[in-house]
Amino acid sequence: WTGQMWLFSWPFSVWGIFTWGQQASERWALERFASTSDVGQYTVVF
């Protein structure tokens, strides 16, 4: 079962790095180019 579940699961972890980057970059890009307040505004809309 360990081998079978790992073969099924590892793609999730690989693409999880990038999908997390996509989601996190929304907030951190606003923090960098706008302000923390803009992050709060966007988070409420989200």
ModelCIF file with pLDDT and N, C-alpha, C, O atoms, coordinates in Angstrom:
data_MODEL
#
_entry.id   MODEL 
#
_entity.id                         1 
_entity.type                       polymer 
_entity.pdbx_number_of_molecules   1 
#
_entity_poly.entity_id                      1 
_entity_poly.type                           'polypeptide(L)' 
_entity_poly.nstd_linkage                   no 
_entity_poly.nstd_monomer                   no 
_entity_poly.pdbx_seq_one_letter_code       WTGQMWLFSWPFSVWGIFTWGQQASERWALERFASTSDVGQYTVVF 
_entity_poly.pdbx_seq_one_letter_code_can   WTGQMWLFSWPFSVWGIFTWGQQASERWALERFASTSDVGQYTVVF 
_entity_poly.pdbx_strand_id                 A 
#
loop_
_entity_poly_seq.entity_id 
_entity_poly_seq.num 
_entity_poly_seq.mon_id 
_entity_poly_seq.hetero 
1 1  TRP n 
1 2  THR n 
1 3  GLY n 
1 4  GLN n 
1 5  MET n 
1 6  TRP n 
1 7  LEU n 
1 8  PHE n 
1 9  SER n 
1 10 TRP n 
1 11 PRO n 
1 12 PHE n 
1 13 SER n 
1 14 VAL n 
1 15 TRP n 
1 16 GLY n 
1 17 ILE n 
1 18 PHE n 
1 19 THR n 
1 20 TRP n 
1 21 GLY n 
1 22 GLN n 
1 23 GLN n 
1 24 ALA n 
1 25 SER n 
1 26 GLU n 
1 27 ARG n 
1 28 TRP n 
1 29 ALA n 
1 30 LEU n 
1 31 GLU n 
1 32 ARG n 
1 33 PHE n 
1 34 ALA n 
1 35 SER n 
1 36 THR n 
1 37 SER n 
1 38 ASP n 
1 39 VAL n 
1 40 GLY n 
1 41 GLN n 
1 42 TYR n 
1 43 THR n 
1 44 VAL n 
1 45 VAL n 
1 46 PHE n 
#
_struct_asym.id          A 
_struct_asym.entity_id   1 
#
loop_
_ma_qa_metric.id 
_ma_qa_metric.mode 
_ma_qa_metric.name 
_ma_qa_metric.software_group_id 
_ma_qa_metric.type 
1 global pLDDT . pLDDT 
2 local  pLDDT . pLDDT 
#
_ma_qa_metric_global.metric_id      1 
_ma_qa_metric_global.metric_value   88.26 
_ma_qa_metric_global.model_id       1 
_ma_qa_metric_global.ordinal_id     1 
#
loop_
_ma_qa_metric_local.label_asym_id 
_ma_qa_metric_local.label_comp_id 
_ma_qa_metric_local.label_seq_id 
_ma_qa_metric_local.metric_id 
_ma_qa_metric_local.metric_value 
_ma_qa_metric_local.model_id 
_ma_qa_metric_local.ordinal_id 
A TRP 1  2 85.00 1 1  
A THR 2  2 84.00 1 2  
A GLY 3  2 84.00 1 3  
A GLN 4  2 84.00 1 4  
A MET 5  2 85.00 1 5  
A TRP 6  2 85.00 1 6  
A LEU 7  2 83.00 1 7  
A PHE 8  2 81.00 1 8  
A SER 9  2 81.00 1 9  
A TRP 10 2 81.00 1 10 
A PRO 11 2 80.00 1 11 
A PHE 12 2 79.00 1 12 
A SER 13 2 81.00 1 13 
A VAL 14 2 83.00 1 14 
A TRP 15 2 82.00 1 15 
A GLY 16 2 83.00 1 16 
A ILE 17 2 87.00 1 17 
A PHE 18 2 90.00 1 18 
A THR 19 2 87.00 1 19 
A TRP 20 2 89.00 1 20 
A GLY 21 2 90.00 1 21 
A GLN 22 2 90.00 1 22 
A GLN 23 2 89.00 1 23 
A ALA 24 2 90.00 1 24 
A SER 25 2 93.00 1 25 
A GLU 26 2 93.00 1 26 
A ARG 27 2 92.00 1 27 
A TRP 28 2 92.00 1 28 
A ALA 29 2 94.00 1 29 
A LEU 30 2 93.00 1 30 
A GLU 31 2 92.00 1 31 
A ARG 32 2 92.00 1 32 
A PHE 33 2 93.00 1 33 
A ALA 34 2 90.00 1 34 
A SER 35 2 89.00 1 35 
A THR 36 2 89.00 1 36 
A SER 37 2 91.00 1 37 
A ASP 38 2 93.00 1 38 
A VAL 39 2 93.00 1 39 
A GLY 40 2 91.00 1 40 
A GLN 41 2 92.00 1 41 
A TYR 42 2 94.00 1 42 
A THR 43 2 92.00 1 43 
A VAL 44 2 93.00 1 44 
A VAL 45 2 94.00 1 45 
A PHE 46 2 92.00 1 46 
#
loop_
_atom_site.group_PDB 
_atom_site.id 
_atom_site.type_symbol 
_atom_site.label_atom_id 
_atom_site.label_alt_id 
_atom_site.label_comp_id 
_atom_site.label_asym_id 
_atom_site.label_entity_id 
_atom_site.label_seq_id 
_atom_site.pdbx_PDB_ins_code 
_atom_site.Cartn_x 
_atom_site.Cartn_y 
_atom_site.Cartn_z 
_atom_site.occupancy 
_atom_site.B_iso_or_equiv 
_atom_site.pdbx_formal_charge 
_atom_site.auth_seq_id 
_atom_site.auth_comp_id 
_atom_site.auth_asym_id 
_atom_site.auth_atom_id 
_atom_site.pdbx_PDB_model_num 
ATOM 1   N N  . TRP A 1 1  ? 0.822   -1.204 0.000  1.00 85.00 ? 1  TRP A N  1 
ATOM 2   C CA . TRP A 1 1  ? 0.000   0.000  0.000  1.00 85.00 ? 1  TRP A CA 1 
ATOM 3   C C  . TRP A 1 1  ? 0.864   1.266  0.000  1.00 85.00 ? 1  TRP A C  1 
ATOM 4   O O  . TRP A 1 1  ? 0.511   2.260  -0.635 1.00 85.00 ? 1  TRP A O  1 
ATOM 5   N N  . THR A 1 2  ? 1.970   1.229  0.695  1.00 84.00 ? 2  THR A N  1 
ATOM 6   C CA . THR A 1 2  ? 2.842   2.402  0.722  1.00 84.00 ? 2  THR A CA 1 
ATOM 7   C C  . THR A 1 2  ? 3.322   2.759  -0.683 1.00 84.00 ? 2  THR A C  1 
ATOM 8   O O  . THR A 1 2  ? 3.290   3.921  -1.086 1.00 84.00 ? 2  THR A O  1 
ATOM 9   N N  . GLY A 1 3  ? 3.765   1.742  -1.421 1.00 84.00 ? 3  GLY A N  1 
ATOM 10  C CA . GLY A 1 3  ? 4.231   1.986  -2.779 1.00 84.00 ? 3  GLY A CA 1 
ATOM 11  C C  . GLY A 1 3  ? 3.118   2.478  -3.693 1.00 84.00 ? 3  GLY A C  1 
ATOM 12  O O  . GLY A 1 3  ? 3.319   3.399  -4.484 1.00 84.00 ? 3  GLY A O  1 
ATOM 13  N N  . GLN A 1 4  ? 1.939   1.861  -3.582 1.00 84.00 ? 4  GLN A N  1 
ATOM 14  C CA . GLN A 1 4  ? 0.830   2.260  -4.440 1.00 84.00 ? 4  GLN A CA 1 
ATOM 15  C C  . GLN A 1 4  ? 0.374   3.684  -4.140 1.00 84.00 ? 4  GLN A C  1 
ATOM 16  O O  . GLN A 1 4  ? 0.141   4.472  -5.056 1.00 84.00 ? 4  GLN A O  1 
ATOM 17  N N  . MET A 1 5  ? 0.248   4.010  -2.853 1.00 85.00 ? 5  MET A N  1 
ATOM 18  C CA . MET A 1 5  ? -0.202  5.355  -2.503 1.00 85.00 ? 5  MET A CA 1 
ATOM 19  C C  . MET A 1 5  ? 0.855   6.397  -2.868 1.00 85.00 ? 5  MET A C  1 
ATOM 20  O O  . MET A 1 5  ? 0.517   7.514  -3.262 1.00 85.00 ? 5  MET A O  1 
ATOM 21  N N  . TRP A 1 6  ? 2.123   6.039  -2.739 1.00 85.00 ? 6  TRP A N  1 
ATOM 22  C CA . TRP A 1 6  ? 3.169   6.993  -3.107 1.00 85.00 ? 6  TRP A CA 1 
ATOM 23  C C  . TRP A 1 6  ? 3.166   7.253  -4.606 1.00 85.00 ? 6  TRP A C  1 
ATOM 24  O O  . TRP A 1 6  ? 3.300   8.400  -5.030 1.00 85.00 ? 6  TRP A O  1 
ATOM 25  N N  . LEU A 1 7  ? 3.015   6.205  -5.417 1.00 83.00 ? 7  LEU A N  1 
ATOM 26  C CA . LEU A 1 7  ? 2.957   6.393  -6.861 1.00 83.00 ? 7  LEU A CA 1 
ATOM 27  C C  . LEU A 1 7  ? 1.784   7.285  -7.260 1.00 83.00 ? 7  LEU A C  1 
ATOM 28  O O  . LEU A 1 7  ? 1.878   8.062  -8.210 1.00 83.00 ? 7  LEU A O  1 
ATOM 29  N N  . PHE A 1 8  ? 0.684   7.164  -6.528 1.00 81.00 ? 8  PHE A N  1 
ATOM 30  C CA . PHE A 1 8  ? -0.477  8.006  -6.804 1.00 81.00 ? 8  PHE A CA 1 
ATOM 31  C C  . PHE A 1 8  ? -0.255  9.425  -6.294 1.00 81.00 ? 8  PHE A C  1 
ATOM 32  O O  . PHE A 1 8  ? -0.728  10.383 -6.905 1.00 81.00 ? 8  PHE A O  1 
ATOM 33  N N  . SER A 1 9  ? 0.462   9.570  -5.176 1.00 81.00 ? 9  SER A N  1 
ATOM 34  C CA . SER A 1 9  ? 0.510   10.842 -4.458 1.00 81.00 ? 9  SER A CA 1 
ATOM 35  C C  . SER A 1 9  ? 1.614   11.787 -4.909 1.00 81.00 ? 9  SER A C  1 
ATOM 36  O O  . SER A 1 9  ? 1.451   13.005 -4.834 1.00 81.00 ? 9  SER A O  1 
ATOM 37  N N  . TRP A 1 10 ? 2.755   11.237 -5.386 1.00 81.00 ? 10 TRP A N  1 
ATOM 38  C CA . TRP A 1 10 ? 3.889   12.131 -5.632 1.00 81.00 ? 10 TRP A CA 1 
ATOM 39  C C  . TRP A 1 10 ? 3.607   13.236 -6.647 1.00 81.00 ? 10 TRP A C  1 
ATOM 40  O O  . TRP A 1 10 ? 4.146   14.332 -6.491 1.00 81.00 ? 10 TRP A O  1 
ATOM 41  N N  . PRO A 1 11 ? 2.783   13.007 -7.689 1.00 80.00 ? 11 PRO A N  1 
ATOM 42  C CA . PRO A 1 11 ? 2.507   14.142 -8.584 1.00 80.00 ? 11 PRO A CA 1 
ATOM 43  C C  . PRO A 1 11 ? 1.821   15.303 -7.867 1.00 80.00 ? 11 PRO A C  1 
ATOM 44  O O  . PRO A 1 11 ? 2.041   16.463 -8.218 1.00 80.00 ? 11 PRO A O  1 
ATOM 45  N N  . PHE A 1 12 ? 0.985   14.999 -6.859 1.00 79.00 ? 12 PHE A N  1 
ATOM 46  C CA . PHE A 1 12 ? 0.320   16.067 -6.113 1.00 79.00 ? 12 PHE A CA 1 
ATOM 47  C C  . PHE A 1 12 ? 1.349   16.961 -5.419 1.00 79.00 ? 12 PHE A C  1 
ATOM 48  O O  . PHE A 1 12 ? 1.222   18.186 -5.415 1.00 79.00 ? 12 PHE A O  1 
ATOM 49  N N  . SER A 1 13 ? 2.368   16.329 -4.831 1.00 81.00 ? 13 SER A N  1 
ATOM 50  C CA . SER A 1 13 ? 3.394   17.111 -4.139 1.00 81.00 ? 13 SER A CA 1 
ATOM 51  C C  . SER A 1 13 ? 4.231   17.934 -5.109 1.00 81.00 ? 13 SER A C  1 
ATOM 52  O O  . SER A 1 13 ? 4.628   19.057 -4.795 1.00 81.00 ? 13 SER A O  1 
ATOM 53  N N  . VAL A 1 14 ? 4.500   17.377 -6.290 1.00 83.00 ? 14 VAL A N  1 
ATOM 54  C CA . VAL A 1 14 ? 5.290   18.114 -7.281 1.00 83.00 ? 14 VAL A CA 1 
ATOM 55  C C  . VAL A 1 14 ? 4.517   19.332 -7.777 1.00 83.00 ? 14 VAL A C  1 
ATOM 56  O O  . VAL A 1 14 ? 5.025   20.453 -7.742 1.00 83.00 ? 14 VAL A O  1 
ATOM 57  N N  . TRP A 1 15 ? 3.284   19.108 -8.240 1.00 82.00 ? 15 TRP A N  1 
ATOM 58  C CA . TRP A 1 15 ? 2.550   20.274 -8.740 1.00 82.00 ? 15 TRP A CA 1 
ATOM 59  C C  . TRP A 1 15 ? 2.079   21.157 -7.577 1.00 82.00 ? 15 TRP A C  1 
ATOM 60  O O  . TRP A 1 15 ? 1.763   22.329 -7.782 1.00 82.00 ? 15 TRP A O  1 
ATOM 61  N N  . GLY A 1 16 ? 2.029   20.597 -6.349 1.00 83.00 ? 16 GLY A N  1 
ATOM 62  C CA . GLY A 1 16 ? 1.653   21.417 -5.202 1.00 83.00 ? 16 GLY A CA 1 
ATOM 63  C C  . GLY A 1 16 ? 2.614   22.562 -4.965 1.00 83.00 ? 16 GLY A C  1 
ATOM 64  O O  . GLY A 1 16 ? 2.203   23.630 -4.511 1.00 83.00 ? 16 GLY A O  1 
ATOM 65  N N  . ILE A 1 17 ? 3.907   22.356 -5.268 1.00 87.00 ? 17 ILE A N  1 
ATOM 66  C CA . ILE A 1 17 ? 4.889   23.436 -5.129 1.00 87.00 ? 17 ILE A CA 1 
ATOM 67  C C  . ILE A 1 17 ? 4.498   24.618 -6.012 1.00 87.00 ? 17 ILE A C  1 
ATOM 68  O O  . ILE A 1 17 ? 4.574   25.773 -5.592 1.00 87.00 ? 17 ILE A O  1 
ATOM 69  N N  . PHE A 1 18 ? 4.085   24.318 -7.223 1.00 90.00 ? 18 PHE A N  1 
ATOM 70  C CA . PHE A 1 18 ? 3.772   25.376 -8.183 1.00 90.00 ? 18 PHE A CA 1 
ATOM 71  C C  . PHE A 1 18 ? 2.385   25.978 -7.942 1.00 90.00 ? 18 PHE A C  1 
ATOM 72  O O  . PHE A 1 18 ? 2.209   27.191 -8.058 1.00 90.00 ? 18 PHE A O  1 
ATOM 73  N N  . THR A 1 19 ? 1.403   25.136 -7.608 1.00 87.00 ? 19 THR A N  1 
ATOM 74  C CA . THR A 1 19 ? 0.073   25.683 -7.330 1.00 87.00 ? 19 THR A CA 1 
ATOM 75  C C  . THR A 1 19 ? 0.090   26.523 -6.058 1.00 87.00 ? 19 THR A C  1 
ATOM 76  O O  . THR A 1 19 ? -0.619  27.525 -5.961 1.00 87.00 ? 19 THR A O  1 
ATOM 77  N N  . TRP A 1 20 ? 0.907   26.111 -5.074 1.00 89.00 ? 20 TRP A N  1 
ATOM 78  C CA . TRP A 1 20 ? 1.061   26.958 -3.899 1.00 89.00 ? 20 TRP A CA 1 
ATOM 79  C C  . TRP A 1 20 ? 1.711   28.290 -4.290 1.00 89.00 ? 20 TRP A C  1 
ATOM 80  O O  . TRP A 1 20 ? 1.299   29.353 -3.824 1.00 89.00 ? 20 TRP A O  1 
ATOM 81  N N  . GLY A 1 21 ? 2.721   28.218 -5.144 1.00 90.00 ? 21 GLY A N  1 
ATOM 82  C CA . GLY A 1 21 ? 3.368   29.450 -5.585 1.00 90.00 ? 21 GLY A CA 1 
ATOM 83  C C  . GLY A 1 21 ? 2.394   30.377 -6.281 1.00 90.00 ? 21 GLY A C  1 
ATOM 84  O O  . GLY A 1 21 ? 2.459   31.594 -6.104 1.00 90.00 ? 21 GLY A O  1 
ATOM 85  N N  . GLN A 1 22 ? 1.488   29.814 -7.074 1.00 90.00 ? 22 GLN A N  1 
ATOM 86  C CA . GLN A 1 22 ? 0.495   30.645 -7.748 1.00 90.00 ? 22 GLN A CA 1 
ATOM 87  C C  . GLN A 1 22 ? -0.421  31.335 -6.745 1.00 90.00 ? 22 GLN A C  1 
ATOM 88  O O  . GLN A 1 22 ? -0.704  32.526 -6.874 1.00 90.00 ? 22 GLN A O  1 
ATOM 89  N N  . GLN A 1 23 ? -0.883  30.585 -5.742 1.00 89.00 ? 23 GLN A N  1 
ATOM 90  C CA . GLN A 1 23 ? -1.791  31.164 -4.753 1.00 89.00 ? 23 GLN A CA 1 
ATOM 91  C C  . GLN A 1 23 ? -1.078  32.158 -3.842 1.00 89.00 ? 23 GLN A C  1 
ATOM 92  O O  . GLN A 1 23 ? -1.591  33.245 -3.577 1.00 89.00 ? 23 GLN A O  1 
ATOM 93  N N  . ALA A 1 24 ? 0.106   31.779 -3.366 1.00 90.00 ? 24 ALA A N  1 
ATOM 94  C CA . ALA A 1 24 ? 0.835   32.660 -2.445 1.00 90.00 ? 24 ALA A CA 1 
ATOM 95  C C  . ALA A 1 24 ? 1.334   33.925 -3.144 1.00 90.00 ? 24 ALA A C  1 
ATOM 96  O O  . ALA A 1 24 ? 1.402   34.991 -2.531 1.00 90.00 ? 24 ALA A O  1 
ATOM 97  N N  . SER A 1 25 ? 1.684   33.803 -4.431 1.00 93.00 ? 25 SER A N  1 
ATOM 98  C CA . SER A 1 25 ? 2.231   34.962 -5.140 1.00 93.00 ? 25 SER A CA 1 
ATOM 99  C C  . SER A 1 25 ? 1.206   36.075 -5.284 1.00 93.00 ? 25 SER A C  1 
ATOM 100 O O  . SER A 1 25 ? 1.583   37.237 -5.439 1.00 93.00 ? 25 SER A O  1 
ATOM 101 N N  . GLU A 1 26 ? -0.095  35.747 -5.237 1.00 93.00 ? 26 GLU A N  1 
ATOM 102 C CA . GLU A 1 26 ? -1.110  36.801 -5.269 1.00 93.00 ? 26 GLU A CA 1 
ATOM 103 C C  . GLU A 1 26 ? -0.903  37.763 -4.103 1.00 93.00 ? 26 GLU A C  1 
ATOM 104 O O  . GLU A 1 26 ? -0.912  38.981 -4.280 1.00 93.00 ? 26 GLU A O  1 
ATOM 105 N N  . ARG A 1 27 ? -0.717  37.203 -2.918 1.00 92.00 ? 27 ARG A N  1 
ATOM 106 C CA . ARG A 1 27 ? -0.577  38.027 -1.723 1.00 92.00 ? 27 ARG A CA 1 
ATOM 107 C C  . ARG A 1 27 ? 0.815   38.656 -1.606 1.00 92.00 ? 27 ARG A C  1 
ATOM 108 O O  . ARG A 1 27 ? 0.947   39.835 -1.276 1.00 92.00 ? 27 ARG A O  1 
ATOM 109 N N  . TRP A 1 28 ? 1.849   37.858 -1.880 1.00 92.00 ? 28 TRP A N  1 
ATOM 110 C CA . TRP A 1 28 ? 3.206   38.385 -1.710 1.00 92.00 ? 28 TRP A CA 1 
ATOM 111 C C  . TRP A 1 28 ? 3.564   39.396 -2.794 1.00 92.00 ? 28 TRP A C  1 
ATOM 112 O O  . TRP A 1 28 ? 4.364   40.298 -2.548 1.00 92.00 ? 28 TRP A O  1 
ATOM 113 N N  . ALA A 1 29 ? 2.988   39.263 -3.988 1.00 94.00 ? 29 ALA A N  1 
ATOM 114 C CA . ALA A 1 29 ? 3.224   40.267 -5.030 1.00 94.00 ? 29 ALA A CA 1 
ATOM 115 C C  . ALA A 1 29 ? 2.572   41.591 -4.646 1.00 94.00 ? 29 ALA A C  1 
ATOM 116 O O  . ALA A 1 29 ? 3.142   42.657 -4.878 1.00 94.00 ? 29 ALA A O  1 
ATOM 117 N N  . LEU A 1 30 ? 1.376   41.526 -4.059 1.00 93.00 ? 30 LEU A N  1 
ATOM 118 C CA . LEU A 1 30 ? 0.734   42.751 -3.578 1.00 93.00 ? 30 LEU A CA 1 
ATOM 119 C C  . LEU A 1 30 ? 1.533   43.370 -2.434 1.00 93.00 ? 30 LEU A C  1 
ATOM 120 O O  . LEU A 1 30 ? 1.665   44.591 -2.348 1.00 93.00 ? 30 LEU A O  1 
ATOM 121 N N  . GLU A 1 31 ? 2.063   42.523 -1.562 1.00 92.00 ? 31 GLU A N  1 
ATOM 122 C CA . GLU A 1 31 ? 2.899   43.021 -0.466 1.00 92.00 ? 31 GLU A CA 1 
ATOM 123 C C  . GLU A 1 31 ? 4.135   43.743 -1.013 1.00 92.00 ? 31 GLU A C  1 
ATOM 124 O O  . GLU A 1 31 ? 4.571   44.753 -0.460 1.00 92.00 ? 31 GLU A O  1 
ATOM 125 N N  . ARG A 1 32 ? 4.687   43.215 -2.100 1.00 92.00 ? 32 ARG A N  1 
ATOM 126 C CA . ARG A 1 32 ? 5.915   43.800 -2.663 1.00 92.00 ? 32 ARG A CA 1 
ATOM 127 C C  . ARG A 1 32 ? 5.636   45.067 -3.461 1.00 92.00 ? 32 ARG A C  1 
ATOM 128 O O  . ARG A 1 32 ? 6.359   46.054 -3.321 1.00 92.00 ? 32 ARG A O  1 
ATOM 129 N N  . PHE A 1 33 ? 4.599   45.057 -4.296 1.00 93.00 ? 33 PHE A N  1 
ATOM 130 C CA . PHE A 1 33 ? 4.380   46.157 -5.225 1.00 93.00 ? 33 PHE A CA 1 
ATOM 131 C C  . PHE A 1 33 ? 3.284   47.120 -4.775 1.00 93.00 ? 33 PHE A C  1 
ATOM 132 O O  . PHE A 1 33 ? 3.149   48.200 -5.350 1.00 93.00 ? 33 PHE A O  1 
ATOM 133 N N  . ALA A 1 34 ? 2.498   46.754 -3.760 1.00 90.00 ? 34 ALA A N  1 
ATOM 134 C CA . ALA A 1 34 ? 1.450   47.650 -3.260 1.00 90.00 ? 34 ALA A CA 1 
ATOM 135 C C  . ALA A 1 34 ? 1.675   47.861 -1.757 1.00 90.00 ? 34 ALA A C  1 
ATOM 136 O O  . ALA A 1 34 ? 2.570   48.611 -1.367 1.00 90.00 ? 34 ALA A O  1 
ATOM 137 N N  . SER A 1 35 ? 0.870   47.205 -0.915 1.00 89.00 ? 35 SER A N  1 
ATOM 138 C CA . SER A 1 35 ? 1.024   47.351 0.534  1.00 89.00 ? 35 SER A CA 1 
ATOM 139 C C  . SER A 1 35 ? 0.349   46.183 1.241  1.00 89.00 ? 35 SER A C  1 
ATOM 140 O O  . SER A 1 35 ? -0.415  45.430 0.638  1.00 89.00 ? 35 SER A O  1 
ATOM 141 N N  . THR A 1 36 ? 0.644   46.047 2.532  1.00 89.00 ? 36 THR A N  1 
ATOM 142 C CA . THR A 1 36 ? -0.002  45.001 3.328  1.00 89.00 ? 36 THR A CA 1 
ATOM 143 C C  . THR A 1 36 ? -1.503  45.254 3.431  1.00 89.00 ? 36 THR A C  1 
ATOM 144 O O  . THR A 1 36 ? -2.288  44.308 3.498  1.00 89.00 ? 36 THR A O  1 
ATOM 145 N N  . SER A 1 37 ? -1.906  46.520 3.444  1.00 91.00 ? 37 SER A N  1 
ATOM 146 C CA . SER A 1 37 ? -3.336  46.848 3.461  1.00 91.00 ? 37 SER A CA 1 
ATOM 147 C C  . SER A 1 37 ? -4.032  46.349 2.205  1.00 91.00 ? 37 SER A C  1 
ATOM 148 O O  . SER A 1 37 ? -5.162  45.865 2.268  1.00 91.00 ? 37 SER A O  1 
ATOM 149 N N  . ASP A 1 38 ? -3.353  46.467 1.050  1.00 93.00 ? 38 ASP A N  1 
ATOM 150 C CA . ASP A 1 38 ? -3.926  45.947 -0.189 1.00 93.00 ? 38 ASP A CA 1 
ATOM 151 C C  . ASP A 1 38 ? -4.070  44.423 -0.130 1.00 93.00 ? 38 ASP A C  1 
ATOM 152 O O  . ASP A 1 38 ? -5.012  43.859 -0.686 1.00 93.00 ? 38 ASP A O  1 
ATOM 153 N N  . VAL A 1 39 ? -3.128  43.766 0.548  1.00 93.00 ? 39 VAL A N  1 
ATOM 154 C CA . VAL A 1 39 ? -3.243  42.320 0.750  1.00 93.00 ? 39 VAL A CA 1 
ATOM 155 C C  . VAL A 1 39 ? -4.511  42.016 1.545  1.00 93.00 ? 39 VAL A C  1 
ATOM 156 O O  . VAL A 1 39 ? -5.245  41.084 1.216  1.00 93.00 ? 39 VAL A O  1 
ATOM 157 N N  . GLY A 1 40 ? -4.765  42.807 2.595  1.00 91.00 ? 40 GLY A N  1 
ATOM 158 C CA . GLY A 1 40 ? -5.975  42.611 3.382  1.00 91.00 ? 40 GLY A CA 1 
ATOM 159 C C  . GLY A 1 40 ? -7.232  42.854 2.572  1.00 91.00 ? 40 GLY A C  1 
ATOM 160 O O  . GLY A 1 40 ? -8.194  42.094 2.684  1.00 91.00 ? 40 GLY A O  1 
ATOM 161 N N  . GLN A 1 41 ? -7.240  43.902 1.755  1.00 92.00 ? 41 GLN A N  1 
ATOM 162 C CA . GLN A 1 41 ? -8.402  44.183 0.901  1.00 92.00 ? 41 GLN A CA 1 
ATOM 163 C C  . GLN A 1 41 ? -8.661  43.028 -0.060 1.00 92.00 ? 41 GLN A C  1 
ATOM 164 O O  . GLN A 1 41 ? -9.793  42.568 -0.211 1.00 92.00 ? 41 GLN A O  1 
ATOM 165 N N  . TYR A 1 42 ? -7.594  42.570 -0.706 1.00 94.00 ? 42 TYR A N  1 
ATOM 166 C CA . TYR A 1 42 ? -7.753  41.475 -1.664 1.00 94.00 ? 42 TYR A CA 1 
ATOM 167 C C  . TYR A 1 42 ? -8.218  40.196 -0.971 1.00 94.00 ? 42 TYR A C  1 
ATOM 168 O O  . TYR A 1 42 ? -9.039  39.459 -1.517 1.00 94.00 ? 42 TYR A O  1 
ATOM 169 N N  . THR A 1 43 ? -7.702  39.930 0.220  1.00 92.00 ? 43 THR A N  1 
ATOM 170 C CA . THR A 1 43 ? -8.066  38.704 0.932  1.00 92.00 ? 43 THR A CA 1 
ATOM 171 C C  . THR A 1 43 ? -9.547  38.679 1.260  1.00 92.00 ? 43 THR A C  1 
ATOM 172 O O  . THR A 1 43 ? -10.179 37.626 1.178  1.00 92.00 ? 43 THR A O  1 
ATOM 173 N N  . VAL A 1 44 ? -10.108 39.816 1.630  1.00 93.00 ? 44 VAL A N  1 
ATOM 174 C CA . VAL A 1 44 ? -11.544 39.871 1.923  1.00 93.00 ? 44 VAL A CA 1 
ATOM 175 C C  . VAL A 1 44 ? -12.359 39.588 0.664  1.00 93.00 ? 44 VAL A C  1 
ATOM 176 O O  . VAL A 1 44 ? -13.328 38.831 0.716  1.00 93.00 ? 44 VAL A O  1 
ATOM 177 N N  . VAL A 1 45 ? -11.979 40.185 -0.462 1.00 94.00 ? 45 VAL A N  1 
ATOM 178 C CA . VAL A 1 45 ? -12.681 39.910 -1.725 1.00 94.00 ? 45 VAL A CA 1 
ATOM 179 C C  . VAL A 1 45 ? -12.563 38.438 -2.079 1.00 94.00 ? 45 VAL A C  1 
ATOM 180 O O  . VAL A 1 45 ? -13.530 37.819 -2.522 1.00 94.00 ? 45 VAL A O  1 
ATOM 181 N N  . PHE A 1 46 ? -11.381 37.882 -1.885 1.00 92.00 ? 46 PHE A N  1 
ATOM 182 C CA . PHE A 1 46 ? -11.147 36.461 -2.159 1.00 92.00 ? 46 PHE A CA 1 
ATOM 183 C C  . PHE A 1 46 ? -12.050 35.585 -1.289 1.00 92.00 ? 46 PHE A C  1 
ATOM 184 O O  . PHE A 1 46 ? -11.994 34.359 -1.380 1.00 92.00 ? 46 PHE A O  1 
#
